[in-house]
Amino acid sequence: PIWKRFLVVLAGPLANGLLAFVLLFGLYLYGVPAYKAEIGTPMPNTPFAQAQLQKGDTVLQVDGKNISSFQQLTMTLIDKLGDGQATLQIKRNNTLLDKVVTLDGAIQLDGTTDLVSLLGLSENLPDLKTIIQEPTPNMPASLAGLEAGDEILKMNGEPITNIRMVNRILQTASPN
């Protein structure tokens, strides 16, 4: 009969919909991994350095709003750009502190603006060795004599503890 064929045809899409619902519900229960709102060493002469934030400080709140991840911290600070400042409640060595970060000056957000660098904000990444894998021939690293296995300890006199620091120094360096 036709109604049995109809049920067989309908069973496939219904099973797919049910599977999608179960998988999404499971993902919702499990959550999505994210970096904690733990701060790395602030770059010198930036708002986070001027607010005396230190490596290992965990941001718990921004202007009373609870913060649970580094991404949420960044998005909340973007919302606060027009306010001129933000009060951060941080946890440092099991002590709660309030720090005021000045967000003055006109910051234009476009596709090239690195707000995290402008504020001096960085995730507290583990301090891994920055070891050259294989320099590309005729590029600055190979022309400077760097070889596979070399470890970067300092750049421009600044100690290097993770790859993010290398990227920041290279981005701010003059092209010469």
N, C-alpha and C. Protein backbone atom coordinates (compact mmCIF):
# COMPACT_ATOMS: atom_id res chain seq x y z
N PRO A 1 0.82 -1.19 0.00
CA PRO A 1 0.00 0.00 0.00
C PRO A 1 0.87 1.26 0.00
N ILE A 2 0.26 2.31 -0.49
CA ILE A 2 0.98 3.58 -0.64
C ILE A 2 1.35 4.20 0.71
N TRP A 3 0.53 4.01 1.73
CA TRP A 3 0.84 4.64 3.02
C TRP A 3 2.08 4.02 3.65
N LYS A 4 2.36 2.73 3.37
CA LYS A 4 3.58 2.11 3.89
C LYS A 4 4.81 2.68 3.19
N ARG A 5 4.70 2.88 1.88
CA ARG A 5 5.81 3.48 1.15
C ARG A 5 6.06 4.90 1.63
N PHE A 6 4.98 5.62 1.90
CA PHE A 6 5.10 6.99 2.40
C PHE A 6 5.85 7.00 3.74
N LEU A 7 5.52 6.06 4.64
CA LEU A 7 6.20 5.98 5.93
C LEU A 7 7.68 5.65 5.77
N VAL A 8 8.02 4.76 4.84
CA VAL A 8 9.42 4.39 4.59
C VAL A 8 10.19 5.61 4.07
N VAL A 9 9.59 6.33 3.14
CA VAL A 9 10.23 7.53 2.59
C VAL A 9 10.39 8.60 3.66
N LEU A 10 9.41 8.75 4.51
CA LEU A 10 9.44 9.76 5.57
C LEU A 10 10.41 9.39 6.70
N ALA A 11 10.65 8.11 6.91
CA ALA A 11 11.50 7.65 8.01
C ALA A 11 12.94 8.16 7.87
N GLY A 12 13.47 8.22 6.66
CA GLY A 12 14.85 8.67 6.46
C GLY A 12 15.08 10.11 6.93
N PRO A 13 14.33 11.09 6.41
CA PRO A 13 14.51 12.47 6.87
C PRO A 13 14.21 12.64 8.37
N LEU A 14 13.22 11.92 8.89
CA LEU A 14 12.94 12.02 10.32
C LEU A 14 14.11 11.50 11.15
N ALA A 15 14.72 10.40 10.73
CA ALA A 15 15.88 9.85 11.45
C ALA A 15 17.05 10.83 11.39
N ASN A 16 17.25 11.46 10.23
CA ASN A 16 18.32 12.47 10.12
C ASN A 16 18.06 13.65 11.04
N GLY A 17 16.82 14.13 11.09
CA GLY A 17 16.48 15.24 11.97
C GLY A 17 16.67 14.89 13.43
N LEU A 18 16.25 13.67 13.80
CA LEU A 18 16.41 13.22 15.19
C LEU A 18 17.89 13.10 15.55
N LEU A 19 18.68 12.55 14.65
CA LEU A 19 20.13 12.44 14.89
C LEU A 19 20.76 13.82 15.06
N ALA A 20 20.41 14.77 14.21
CA ALA A 20 20.94 16.12 14.32
C ALA A 20 20.57 16.74 15.66
N PHE A 21 19.32 16.56 16.07
CA PHE A 21 18.87 17.10 17.37
C PHE A 21 19.67 16.49 18.51
N VAL A 22 19.85 15.18 18.50
CA VAL A 22 20.59 14.50 19.58
C VAL A 22 22.04 14.97 19.60
N LEU A 23 22.69 15.08 18.45
CA LEU A 23 24.08 15.52 18.39
C LEU A 23 24.23 16.96 18.87
N LEU A 24 23.35 17.85 18.44
CA LEU A 24 23.43 19.25 18.87
C LEU A 24 23.13 19.38 20.37
N PHE A 25 22.19 18.60 20.85
CA PHE A 25 21.89 18.62 22.29
C PHE A 25 23.10 18.13 23.08
N GLY A 26 23.75 17.09 22.59
CA GLY A 26 24.96 16.58 23.25
C GLY A 26 26.08 17.62 23.25
N LEU A 27 26.25 18.32 22.14
CA LEU A 27 27.25 19.39 22.05
C LEU A 27 26.92 20.51 23.02
N TYR A 28 25.64 20.84 23.13
CA TYR A 28 25.21 21.87 24.08
C TYR A 28 25.54 21.45 25.51
N LEU A 29 25.29 20.21 25.86
CA LEU A 29 25.58 19.73 27.21
C LEU A 29 27.08 19.68 27.48
N TYR A 30 27.85 19.28 26.48
CA TYR A 30 29.30 19.16 26.64
C TYR A 30 29.97 20.53 26.65
N GLY A 31 29.49 21.44 25.83
CA GLY A 31 30.08 22.76 25.74
C GLY A 31 31.13 22.84 24.65
N VAL A 32 31.62 24.03 24.42
CA VAL A 32 32.64 24.27 23.41
C VAL A 32 33.91 24.72 24.14
N PRO A 33 35.04 24.08 23.88
CA PRO A 33 36.25 24.47 24.59
C PRO A 33 36.66 25.91 24.26
N ALA A 34 37.18 26.60 25.26
CA ALA A 34 37.63 27.98 25.07
C ALA A 34 38.75 28.26 26.06
N TYR A 35 39.60 29.21 25.70
CA TYR A 35 40.66 29.64 26.62
C TYR A 35 40.04 30.36 27.80
N LYS A 36 40.61 30.13 28.99
CA LYS A 36 40.18 30.88 30.16
C LYS A 36 40.58 32.34 29.96
N ALA A 37 39.93 33.23 30.69
CA ALA A 37 40.24 34.66 30.60
C ALA A 37 41.45 34.96 31.47
N GLU A 38 42.52 34.22 31.23
CA GLU A 38 43.76 34.39 31.97
C GLU A 38 44.74 35.16 31.08
N ILE A 39 45.34 36.19 31.67
CA ILE A 39 46.13 37.13 30.90
C ILE A 39 47.60 36.71 30.85
N GLY A 40 48.19 36.87 29.65
CA GLY A 40 49.62 36.70 29.50
C GLY A 40 50.32 38.01 29.84
N THR A 41 51.60 38.08 29.64
CA THR A 41 52.35 39.29 29.95
C THR A 41 51.91 40.42 29.04
N PRO A 42 51.39 41.53 29.60
CA PRO A 42 50.96 42.65 28.76
C PRO A 42 52.15 43.31 28.06
N MET A 43 51.96 43.73 26.82
CA MET A 43 53.01 44.44 26.09
C MET A 43 53.23 45.79 26.77
N PRO A 44 54.48 46.26 26.81
CA PRO A 44 54.78 47.55 27.46
C PRO A 44 54.02 48.71 26.82
N ASN A 45 53.72 49.73 27.61
CA ASN A 45 53.05 50.97 27.16
C ASN A 45 51.70 50.73 26.51
N THR A 46 50.96 49.76 27.03
CA THR A 46 49.61 49.49 26.54
C THR A 46 48.65 49.65 27.72
N PRO A 47 47.35 49.79 27.45
CA PRO A 47 46.39 49.96 28.55
C PRO A 47 46.47 48.86 29.62
N PHE A 48 46.68 47.61 29.21
CA PHE A 48 46.75 46.54 30.21
C PHE A 48 48.02 46.63 31.04
N ALA A 49 49.12 47.07 30.45
CA ALA A 49 50.36 47.26 31.21
C ALA A 49 50.21 48.44 32.17
N GLN A 50 49.58 49.52 31.70
CA GLN A 50 49.40 50.70 32.54
C GLN A 50 48.45 50.42 33.71
N ALA A 51 47.54 49.47 33.55
CA ALA A 51 46.63 49.08 34.63
C ALA A 51 47.30 48.09 35.59
N GLN A 52 48.57 47.80 35.34
CA GLN A 52 49.38 46.91 36.18
C GLN A 52 48.83 45.49 36.25
N LEU A 53 48.30 45.03 35.13
CA LEU A 53 47.89 43.64 35.05
C LEU A 53 49.14 42.79 34.82
N GLN A 54 49.12 41.58 35.32
CA GLN A 54 50.30 40.71 35.26
C GLN A 54 49.95 39.37 34.64
N LYS A 55 51.00 38.70 34.18
CA LYS A 55 50.82 37.37 33.63
C LYS A 55 50.21 36.47 34.71
N GLY A 56 49.17 35.74 34.33
CA GLY A 56 48.50 34.83 35.26
C GLY A 56 47.26 35.41 35.89
N ASP A 57 47.03 36.73 35.77
CA ASP A 57 45.80 37.33 36.29
C ASP A 57 44.61 36.75 35.52
N THR A 58 43.56 36.39 36.24
CA THR A 58 42.35 35.88 35.61
C THR A 58 41.26 36.93 35.74
N VAL A 59 40.69 37.34 34.60
CA VAL A 59 39.62 38.34 34.61
C VAL A 59 38.31 37.62 34.92
N LEU A 60 37.66 38.04 36.00
CA LEU A 60 36.39 37.44 36.42
C LEU A 60 35.20 38.26 35.95
N GLN A 61 35.35 39.61 35.96
CA GLN A 61 34.26 40.51 35.56
C GLN A 61 34.82 41.73 34.85
N VAL A 62 34.01 42.28 33.95
CA VAL A 62 34.27 43.59 33.34
C VAL A 62 33.04 44.43 33.60
N ASP A 63 33.21 45.50 34.37
CA ASP A 63 32.09 46.38 34.76
C ASP A 63 30.90 45.58 35.29
N GLY A 64 31.18 44.60 36.13
CA GLY A 64 30.12 43.82 36.76
C GLY A 64 29.60 42.66 35.93
N LYS A 65 30.03 42.53 34.68
CA LYS A 65 29.57 41.43 33.82
C LYS A 65 30.54 40.26 33.96
N ASN A 66 30.01 39.09 34.31
CA ASN A 66 30.85 37.90 34.48
C ASN A 66 31.52 37.51 33.16
N ILE A 67 32.77 37.11 33.25
CA ILE A 67 33.57 36.71 32.09
C ILE A 67 33.99 35.27 32.29
N SER A 68 33.74 34.43 31.28
CA SER A 68 34.09 33.01 31.42
C SER A 68 35.15 32.54 30.43
N SER A 69 35.47 33.35 29.41
CA SER A 69 36.46 32.92 28.43
C SER A 69 37.23 34.13 27.89
N PHE A 70 38.36 33.85 27.27
CA PHE A 70 39.16 34.92 26.70
C PHE A 70 38.40 35.61 25.57
N GLN A 71 37.67 34.84 24.78
CA GLN A 71 36.90 35.42 23.68
C GLN A 71 35.81 36.35 24.22
N GLN A 72 35.15 35.94 25.29
CA GLN A 72 34.13 36.80 25.88
C GLN A 72 34.75 38.08 26.43
N LEU A 73 35.95 37.98 27.00
CA LEU A 73 36.66 39.16 27.49
C LEU A 73 36.94 40.12 26.34
N THR A 74 37.44 39.60 25.23
CA THR A 74 37.74 40.44 24.07
C THR A 74 36.47 41.11 23.53
N MET A 75 35.39 40.35 23.40
CA MET A 75 34.14 40.92 22.89
C MET A 75 33.57 41.98 23.84
N THR A 76 33.69 41.75 25.13
CA THR A 76 33.19 42.72 26.11
C THR A 76 34.00 44.01 26.04
N LEU A 77 35.31 43.89 25.86
CA LEU A 77 36.15 45.09 25.74
C LEU A 77 35.83 45.86 24.46
N ILE A 78 35.48 45.16 23.39
CA ILE A 78 35.07 45.85 22.16
C ILE A 78 33.82 46.67 22.44
N ASP A 79 32.87 46.10 23.20
CA ASP A 79 31.66 46.83 23.55
C ASP A 79 31.96 48.05 24.41
N LYS A 80 33.04 48.02 25.18
CA LYS A 80 33.38 49.10 26.12
C LYS A 80 34.27 50.17 25.49
N LEU A 81 34.65 50.03 24.23
CA LEU A 81 35.58 50.99 23.62
C LEU A 81 35.08 52.43 23.69
N GLY A 82 33.82 52.65 23.51
CA GLY A 82 33.28 54.01 23.54
C GLY A 82 33.14 54.59 24.93
N ASP A 83 33.28 53.77 25.97
CA ASP A 83 33.08 54.23 27.35
C ASP A 83 34.30 54.92 27.95
N GLY A 84 35.48 54.74 27.35
CA GLY A 84 36.68 55.39 27.87
C GLY A 84 37.45 54.57 28.88
N GLN A 85 36.78 53.71 29.62
CA GLN A 85 37.47 52.85 30.58
C GLN A 85 36.59 51.67 30.94
N ALA A 86 37.23 50.67 31.53
CA ALA A 86 36.51 49.49 32.00
C ALA A 86 37.15 49.05 33.32
N THR A 87 36.30 48.67 34.26
CA THR A 87 36.80 48.17 35.54
C THR A 87 36.79 46.65 35.49
N LEU A 88 37.95 46.07 35.69
CA LEU A 88 38.10 44.62 35.64
C LEU A 88 38.27 44.09 37.05
N GLN A 89 37.48 43.08 37.38
CA GLN A 89 37.74 42.37 38.63
C GLN A 89 38.60 41.18 38.25
N ILE A 90 39.78 41.10 38.86
CA ILE A 90 40.71 40.03 38.53
C ILE A 90 41.02 39.21 39.77
N LYS A 91 41.49 38.01 39.51
CA LYS A 91 41.96 37.14 40.58
C LYS A 91 43.46 36.96 40.38
N ARG A 92 44.22 37.36 41.39
CA ARG A 92 45.67 37.23 41.35
C ARG A 92 46.12 36.53 42.62
N ASN A 93 46.69 35.36 42.49
CA ASN A 93 47.15 34.59 43.65
C ASN A 93 46.06 34.45 44.71
N ASN A 94 44.86 34.06 44.29
CA ASN A 94 43.71 33.86 45.19
C ASN A 94 43.24 35.14 45.88
N THR A 95 43.62 36.31 45.34
CA THR A 95 43.16 37.59 45.86
C THR A 95 42.37 38.30 44.78
N LEU A 96 41.19 38.84 45.13
CA LEU A 96 40.38 39.60 44.18
C LEU A 96 40.83 41.05 44.19
N LEU A 97 41.06 41.60 43.00
CA LEU A 97 41.48 42.99 42.83
C LEU A 97 40.63 43.65 41.77
N ASP A 98 40.43 44.95 41.88
CA ASP A 98 39.78 45.73 40.83
C ASP A 98 40.84 46.57 40.13
N LYS A 99 40.87 46.50 38.82
CA LYS A 99 41.82 47.27 38.01
C LYS A 99 41.03 48.04 36.96
N VAL A 100 41.41 49.30 36.74
CA VAL A 100 40.74 50.12 35.74
C VAL A 100 41.64 50.19 34.50
N VAL A 101 41.08 49.78 33.38
CA VAL A 101 41.80 49.82 32.10
C VAL A 101 41.25 51.00 31.32
N THR A 102 42.14 51.91 30.92
CA THR A 102 41.74 53.09 30.16
C THR A 102 41.68 52.73 28.68
N LEU A 103 40.53 52.96 28.10
CA LEU A 103 40.31 52.65 26.68
C LEU A 103 40.13 53.95 25.90
N ASP A 104 41.01 54.92 26.17
CA ASP A 104 40.85 56.23 25.53
C ASP A 104 41.40 56.22 24.11
N GLY A 105 41.16 57.30 23.41
CA GLY A 105 41.61 57.41 22.03
C GLY A 105 40.65 56.72 21.09
N ALA A 106 40.64 57.20 19.88
CA ALA A 106 39.75 56.63 18.87
C ALA A 106 40.40 55.39 18.28
N ILE A 107 39.80 54.26 18.48
CA ILE A 107 40.29 53.02 17.89
C ILE A 107 39.30 52.63 16.81
N GLN A 108 39.77 52.60 15.60
CA GLN A 108 38.93 52.21 14.48
C GLN A 108 39.07 50.72 14.25
N LEU A 109 37.97 50.01 14.38
CA LEU A 109 38.01 48.57 14.14
C LEU A 109 37.68 48.29 12.68
N ASP A 110 38.62 47.66 12.02
CA ASP A 110 38.39 47.21 10.66
C ASP A 110 39.04 45.83 10.52
N GLY A 111 39.16 45.36 9.35
CA GLY A 111 39.71 44.02 9.15
C GLY A 111 41.17 43.88 9.52
N THR A 112 41.89 44.98 9.66
CA THR A 112 43.32 44.90 9.96
C THR A 112 43.66 45.27 11.40
N THR A 113 42.72 45.81 12.16
CA THR A 113 42.99 46.23 13.52
C THR A 113 43.11 45.03 14.45
N ASP A 114 44.21 44.97 15.18
CA ASP A 114 44.40 43.92 16.17
C ASP A 114 44.16 44.52 17.54
N LEU A 115 42.90 44.51 17.97
CA LEU A 115 42.51 45.12 19.23
C LEU A 115 43.27 44.51 20.40
N VAL A 116 43.47 43.22 20.35
CA VAL A 116 44.17 42.53 21.44
C VAL A 116 45.57 43.12 21.62
N SER A 117 46.28 43.37 20.52
CA SER A 117 47.62 43.96 20.61
C SER A 117 47.56 45.40 21.07
N LEU A 118 46.59 46.17 20.56
CA LEU A 118 46.49 47.58 20.95
C LEU A 118 46.28 47.74 22.46
N LEU A 119 45.51 46.84 23.05
CA LEU A 119 45.25 46.90 24.48
C LEU A 119 46.37 46.27 25.30
N GLY A 120 47.24 45.49 24.65
CA GLY A 120 48.30 44.80 25.37
C GLY A 120 47.83 43.49 25.97
N LEU A 121 46.72 43.01 25.48
CA LEU A 121 46.08 41.82 26.02
C LEU A 121 46.58 40.59 25.28
N SER A 122 46.80 39.51 26.02
CA SER A 122 47.15 38.25 25.39
C SER A 122 46.74 37.11 26.31
N GLU A 123 46.46 35.96 25.70
CA GLU A 123 46.13 34.78 26.50
C GLU A 123 47.38 34.34 27.24
N ASN A 124 47.20 33.69 28.36
CA ASN A 124 48.33 33.15 29.09
C ASN A 124 48.64 31.78 28.50
N LEU A 125 49.42 31.81 27.44
CA LEU A 125 49.79 30.57 26.76
C LEU A 125 50.95 29.92 27.49
N PRO A 126 51.06 28.61 27.40
CA PRO A 126 52.21 27.97 28.04
C PRO A 126 53.50 28.45 27.38
N ASP A 127 54.53 28.56 28.18
CA ASP A 127 55.82 28.99 27.65
C ASP A 127 56.51 27.81 26.97
N LEU A 128 56.32 27.74 25.65
CA LEU A 128 56.93 26.68 24.86
C LEU A 128 58.14 27.25 24.12
N LYS A 129 59.09 26.42 23.87
CA LYS A 129 60.27 26.86 23.13
C LYS A 129 59.87 27.27 21.72
N THR A 130 60.46 28.35 21.23
CA THR A 130 60.21 28.80 19.86
C THR A 130 61.39 28.34 19.02
N ILE A 131 61.20 27.21 18.40
CA ILE A 131 62.28 26.57 17.63
C ILE A 131 61.96 26.65 16.15
N ILE A 132 62.95 27.08 15.37
CA ILE A 132 62.81 27.18 13.91
C ILE A 132 62.66 25.76 13.34
N GLN A 133 61.64 25.57 12.52
CA GLN A 133 61.44 24.26 11.89
C GLN A 133 62.28 24.14 10.62
N GLU A 134 61.93 24.92 9.62
CA GLU A 134 62.67 24.90 8.35
C GLU A 134 62.53 26.26 7.70
N PRO A 135 63.57 27.11 7.78
CA PRO A 135 63.45 28.44 7.16
C PRO A 135 63.31 28.34 5.64
N THR A 136 62.46 29.19 5.09
CA THR A 136 62.25 29.22 3.65
C THR A 136 63.44 29.90 2.98
N PRO A 137 64.00 29.29 1.94
CA PRO A 137 65.15 29.89 1.26
C PRO A 137 64.84 31.29 0.73
N ASN A 138 65.84 32.16 0.81
CA ASN A 138 65.77 33.53 0.31
C ASN A 138 64.72 34.39 1.02
N MET A 139 64.31 34.00 2.22
CA MET A 139 63.40 34.80 3.04
C MET A 139 64.20 35.33 4.23
N PRO A 140 63.66 36.33 4.94
CA PRO A 140 64.45 36.99 5.99
C PRO A 140 65.10 36.05 7.00
N ALA A 141 64.40 35.00 7.44
CA ALA A 141 64.98 34.10 8.44
C ALA A 141 66.22 33.39 7.89
N SER A 142 66.12 32.86 6.67
CA SER A 142 67.28 32.15 6.11
C SER A 142 68.39 33.13 5.74
N LEU A 143 68.03 34.33 5.27
CA LEU A 143 69.05 35.34 4.94
C LEU A 143 69.78 35.82 6.20
N ALA A 144 69.12 35.75 7.36
CA ALA A 144 69.76 36.14 8.62
C ALA A 144 70.62 35.01 9.17
N GLY A 145 70.61 33.86 8.52
CA GLY A 145 71.45 32.75 8.95
C GLY A 145 70.78 31.79 9.91
N LEU A 146 69.47 31.91 10.11
CA LEU A 146 68.77 30.98 10.99
C LEU A 146 68.65 29.63 10.31
N GLU A 147 68.79 28.58 11.11
CA GLU A 147 68.73 27.22 10.59
C GLU A 147 67.72 26.40 11.36
N ALA A 148 67.32 25.27 10.78
CA ALA A 148 66.39 24.37 11.45
C ALA A 148 66.98 23.95 12.79
N GLY A 149 66.15 24.02 13.84
CA GLY A 149 66.60 23.64 15.18
C GLY A 149 67.05 24.81 16.04
N ASP A 150 67.28 25.99 15.42
CA ASP A 150 67.66 27.17 16.21
C ASP A 150 66.48 27.57 17.10
N GLU A 151 66.79 27.98 18.33
CA GLU A 151 65.76 28.44 19.27
C GLU A 151 65.83 29.96 19.39
N ILE A 152 64.68 30.62 19.30
CA ILE A 152 64.62 32.07 19.45
C ILE A 152 64.49 32.39 20.93
N LEU A 153 65.50 33.06 21.48
CA LEU A 153 65.50 33.41 22.89
C LEU A 153 65.16 34.87 23.12
N LYS A 154 65.60 35.75 22.20
CA LYS A 154 65.32 37.19 22.31
C LYS A 154 65.13 37.75 20.91
N MET A 155 64.29 38.80 20.84
CA MET A 155 64.13 39.57 19.61
C MET A 155 64.13 41.03 20.01
N ASN A 156 64.94 41.82 19.36
CA ASN A 156 65.05 43.25 19.69
C ASN A 156 65.31 43.45 21.18
N GLY A 157 66.09 42.54 21.79
CA GLY A 157 66.43 42.65 23.19
C GLY A 157 65.35 42.19 24.15
N GLU A 158 64.20 41.76 23.63
CA GLU A 158 63.08 41.34 24.48
C GLU A 158 63.06 39.81 24.58
N PRO A 159 63.01 39.27 25.81
CA PRO A 159 62.96 37.81 25.96
C PRO A 159 61.71 37.23 25.31
N ILE A 160 61.88 36.09 24.65
CA ILE A 160 60.78 35.44 23.94
C ILE A 160 60.41 34.16 24.70
N THR A 161 59.12 34.03 25.04
CA THR A 161 58.68 32.82 25.74
C THR A 161 57.62 32.05 24.96
N ASN A 162 57.01 32.66 23.94
CA ASN A 162 56.04 31.91 23.13
C ASN A 162 55.94 32.55 21.75
N ILE A 163 55.31 31.84 20.84
CA ILE A 163 55.25 32.25 19.44
C ILE A 163 54.45 33.53 19.25
N ARG A 164 53.47 33.78 20.13
CA ARG A 164 52.69 35.02 20.01
C ARG A 164 53.59 36.25 20.16
N MET A 165 54.58 36.18 21.03
CA MET A 165 55.50 37.31 21.21
C MET A 165 56.31 37.54 19.93
N VAL A 166 56.73 36.47 19.28
CA VAL A 166 57.46 36.59 18.02
C VAL A 166 56.58 37.29 16.99
N ASN A 167 55.32 36.85 16.88
CA ASN A 167 54.40 37.45 15.90
C ASN A 167 54.19 38.93 16.17
N ARG A 168 54.02 39.31 17.42
CA ARG A 168 53.80 40.73 17.75
C ARG A 168 55.00 41.58 17.40
N ILE A 169 56.19 41.09 17.70
CA ILE A 169 57.39 41.86 17.39
C ILE A 169 57.56 41.99 15.88
N LEU A 170 57.30 40.93 15.16
CA LEU A 170 57.42 40.99 13.70
C LEU A 170 56.38 41.93 13.10
N GLN A 171 55.18 41.98 13.66
CA GLN A 171 54.13 42.87 13.13
C GLN A 171 54.46 44.33 13.37
N THR A 172 55.14 44.64 14.48
CA THR A 172 55.45 46.03 14.79
C THR A 172 56.81 46.48 14.26
N ALA A 173 57.59 45.54 13.72
CA ALA A 173 58.93 45.87 13.22
C ALA A 173 58.82 46.64 11.91
N SER A 174 59.80 47.51 11.68
CA SER A 174 59.83 48.24 10.40
C SER A 174 60.26 47.27 9.30
N PRO A 175 59.80 47.50 8.07
CA PRO A 175 60.08 46.56 6.99
C PRO A 175 61.54 46.51 6.56
N ASN A 176 62.37 47.38 7.05
CA ASN A 176 63.79 47.39 6.61
C ASN A 176 64.58 46.34 7.31
